Amino acid sequence: MYSLTLKYPKDTLRKVLKVRKKIEYNLGVKLAIDLKNEILTIQTEENTYVLYEVKDIIDAIDVGFKFDIAMLLALDNFRKDAIDVKSISRNKKDLRRIMSRIIGKEGYAKKKIEDLCEVFLAIDDKKGMVYIIGEEENVDLAKEALRLLINGKKHKTVYDFIIKHKPKR
């Protein structure tokens, strides 16, 4: 039996409680949740790799991804990455401007990047973080596209860049 014990805030553990059975069933693990002490223990008979896979899935749910999207991380060719926009912005006003560029009017820019790169984005504008889930090469492309937007490139230029550099299948 392998186990991994992690400390999470109660809000995160409450999110996990909602999808606990699905995680246990799909990944063959047992989750023990102690809300009072803010402890989550993941147990498996399989191998230690699945413990960290479950941790990644829980972290993805915690930052705002839906369960079905977070579960993609159980597939070999999918990964999660993040861009810390707050650390590269000059001040709060700059952070708001950059996050607004990433989201776009009524979410258009975010949706367009998701569609063109075939990734999923979760945006936490309070923390200034952008999270990405997708296949390896698509995540890399999305990160580069987001960097271009952050650095002030026009949206059309960024979309054209994605189309030009999108991996051929």
Protein backbone atom coordinates (compact mmCIF):
# COMPACT_ATOMS: atom_id res chain seq x y z
CA MET A 1 0.00 0.00 0.00
CA TYR A 2 1.31 3.41 -0.99
CA SER A 3 0.01 6.67 0.44
CA LEU A 4 0.53 10.40 0.16
CA THR A 5 -0.69 12.84 2.81
CA LEU A 6 -1.22 16.47 1.84
CA LYS A 7 -2.45 19.61 3.56
CA TYR A 8 -5.17 21.55 1.74
CA PRO A 9 -7.48 24.38 2.80
CA LYS A 10 -11.04 23.39 3.71
CA ASP A 11 -12.42 24.99 0.52
CA THR A 12 -10.27 22.69 -1.59
CA LEU A 13 -11.22 19.63 0.45
CA ARG A 14 -14.92 20.49 0.02
CA LYS A 15 -14.40 20.57 -3.77
CA VAL A 16 -12.72 17.15 -3.56
CA LEU A 17 -15.59 15.75 -1.50
CA LYS A 18 -17.96 16.52 -4.39
CA VAL A 19 -15.94 14.38 -6.84
CA ARG A 20 -14.33 11.93 -4.40
CA LYS A 21 -16.18 8.83 -5.63
CA LYS A 22 -15.40 9.63 -9.27
CA ILE A 23 -11.69 10.04 -8.52
CA GLU A 24 -11.60 6.83 -6.48
CA TYR A 25 -13.44 4.86 -9.16
CA ASN A 26 -11.53 6.20 -12.18
CA LEU A 27 -8.04 6.03 -10.68
CA GLY A 28 -8.33 3.08 -8.30
CA VAL A 29 -7.40 5.05 -5.20
CA LYS A 30 -8.88 5.65 -1.78
CA LEU A 31 -9.20 9.24 -0.53
CA ALA A 32 -9.35 9.95 3.19
CA ILE A 33 -10.42 13.52 3.92
CA ASP A 34 -10.04 15.13 7.34
CA LEU A 35 -11.75 18.52 7.08
CA LYS A 36 -11.03 19.49 10.68
CA ASN A 37 -7.25 19.14 10.30
CA GLU A 38 -7.27 20.06 6.58
CA ILE A 39 -5.60 16.78 5.58
CA LEU A 40 -6.09 14.66 2.47
CA THR A 41 -4.58 11.19 2.26
CA ILE A 42 -4.43 9.37 -1.07
CA GLN A 43 -3.93 5.59 -0.90
CA THR A 44 -3.33 3.05 -3.64
CA GLU A 45 -2.23 -0.53 -4.18
CA GLU A 46 -0.91 0.37 -7.63
CA ASN A 47 2.23 2.52 -7.65
CA THR A 48 3.44 5.84 -6.40
CA TYR A 49 2.92 7.50 -9.79
CA VAL A 50 -0.87 7.44 -9.39
CA LEU A 51 -0.55 9.32 -6.08
CA TYR A 52 1.00 12.32 -7.82
CA GLU A 53 -1.43 12.00 -10.72
CA VAL A 54 -4.31 12.36 -8.23
CA LYS A 55 -2.56 15.32 -6.59
CA ASP A 56 -2.28 17.04 -9.99
CA ILE A 57 -5.98 16.41 -10.66
CA ILE A 58 -6.98 17.81 -7.26
CA ASP A 59 -4.76 20.85 -7.82
CA ALA A 60 -6.42 21.40 -11.22
CA ILE A 61 -9.89 21.22 -9.69
CA ASP A 62 -8.76 23.63 -6.99
CA VAL A 63 -7.68 26.31 -9.48
CA GLY A 64 -11.00 26.16 -11.32
CA PHE A 65 -10.95 23.37 -13.90
CA LYS A 66 -14.05 21.21 -14.14
CA PHE A 67 -13.67 17.59 -13.04
CA ASP A 68 -13.79 16.15 -16.59
CA ILE A 69 -11.05 18.50 -17.76
CA ALA A 70 -8.89 17.86 -14.68
CA MET A 71 -9.22 14.11 -15.31
CA LEU A 72 -7.43 14.56 -18.65
CA LEU A 73 -4.27 14.76 -16.54
CA ALA A 74 -4.59 11.01 -16.01
CA LEU A 75 -3.79 10.54 -19.71
CA ASP A 76 -0.12 10.15 -20.59
CA ASN A 77 0.12 12.96 -23.15
CA PHE A 78 -1.69 15.64 -21.09
CA ARG A 79 -0.13 18.07 -18.64
CA LYS A 80 -0.90 21.15 -16.61
CA ASP A 81 1.18 24.31 -16.65
CA ALA A 82 0.81 27.86 -15.44
CA ILE A 83 1.91 31.40 -16.11
CA ASP A 84 2.37 33.71 -13.14
CA VAL A 85 1.27 37.00 -14.68
CA LYS A 86 1.42 38.79 -11.34
CA SER A 87 5.17 38.23 -11.06
CA ILE A 88 5.80 39.86 -14.45
CA SER A 89 3.40 42.77 -14.11
CA ARG A 90 4.68 46.11 -12.88
CA ASN A 91 1.75 46.96 -10.59
CA LYS A 92 -1.94 46.19 -9.95
CA LYS A 93 -3.10 48.36 -12.83
CA ASP A 94 -0.71 46.57 -15.21
CA LEU A 95 -1.89 43.19 -13.90
CA ARG A 96 -5.55 44.11 -14.54
CA ARG A 97 -4.69 45.30 -18.06
CA ILE A 98 -2.79 42.10 -18.90
CA MET A 99 -5.43 39.79 -17.43
CA SER A 100 -8.10 41.71 -19.37
CA ARG A 101 -6.13 41.17 -22.59
CA ILE A 102 -5.91 37.44 -21.89
CA ILE A 103 -9.62 37.14 -21.12
CA GLY A 104 -10.79 39.52 -23.84
CA LYS A 105 -14.19 41.11 -24.31
CA GLU A 106 -16.79 38.71 -22.89
CA GLY A 107 -14.11 35.98 -22.75
CA TYR A 108 -13.49 36.02 -26.49
CA ALA A 109 -9.67 35.98 -26.38
CA LYS A 110 -9.56 33.18 -23.81
CA LYS A 111 -12.01 31.07 -25.84
CA LYS A 112 -10.17 31.75 -29.11
CA ILE A 113 -6.83 30.67 -27.61
CA GLU A 114 -8.47 27.55 -26.15
CA ASP A 115 -10.01 26.68 -29.53
CA LEU A 116 -6.96 27.41 -31.67
CA CYS A 117 -4.48 25.68 -29.32
CA GLU A 118 -6.87 22.89 -28.30
CA VAL A 119 -6.24 23.53 -24.59
CA PHE A 120 -8.29 24.52 -21.55
CA LEU A 121 -7.54 27.68 -19.59
CA ALA A 122 -8.45 28.59 -16.02
CA ILE A 123 -7.82 32.16 -15.00
CA ASP A 124 -7.43 33.40 -11.45
CA ASP A 125 -7.26 37.16 -11.87
CA LYS A 126 -6.99 37.74 -8.10
CA LYS A 127 -3.76 35.74 -7.92
CA GLY A 128 -2.71 36.78 -11.41
CA MET A 129 -2.37 33.19 -12.61
CA VAL A 130 -3.30 31.50 -15.87
CA TYR A 131 -3.47 27.70 -15.81
CA ILE A 132 -3.38 25.51 -18.92
CA ILE A 133 -4.34 21.87 -19.46
CA GLY A 134 -3.77 20.13 -22.77
CA GLU A 135 -1.52 17.89 -24.77
CA GLU A 136 2.20 18.65 -24.39
CA GLU A 137 2.81 20.52 -27.64
CA ASN A 138 -0.49 22.40 -27.40
CA VAL A 139 0.31 23.62 -23.88
CA ASP A 140 3.68 24.89 -25.10
CA LEU A 141 2.00 26.72 -27.99
CA ALA A 142 -0.62 28.26 -25.68
CA LYS A 143 2.09 29.43 -23.27
CA GLU A 144 3.97 31.12 -26.09
CA ALA A 145 0.77 32.73 -27.40
CA LEU A 146 -0.06 34.01 -23.90
CA ARG A 147 3.46 35.41 -23.55
CA LEU A 148 2.97 37.33 -26.81
CA LEU A 149 -0.30 38.80 -25.49
CA ILE A 150 1.34 39.65 -22.17
CA ASN A 151 4.12 41.44 -24.04
CA GLY A 152 1.59 43.60 -25.89
CA LYS A 153 1.19 41.90 -29.28
CA LYS A 154 -2.14 42.48 -31.00
CA HIS A 155 -4.71 39.72 -30.62
CA LYS A 156 -4.84 39.10 -34.39
CA THR A 157 -1.04 38.73 -34.45
CA VAL A 158 -1.25 36.16 -31.65
CA TYR A 159 -4.02 34.18 -33.38
CA ASP A 160 -2.03 34.17 -36.63
CA PHE A 161 1.04 32.97 -34.69
CA ILE A 162 -0.96 30.06 -33.26
CA ILE A 163 -2.28 29.04 -36.68
CA LYS A 164 1.19 29.22 -38.20
CA HIS A 165 2.88 27.22 -35.39
CA LYS A 166 0.14 24.73 -34.59
CA PRO A 167 1.47 21.15 -34.64
CA LYS A 168 0.37 19.25 -37.74
CA ARG A 169 -1.52 16.02 -37.16
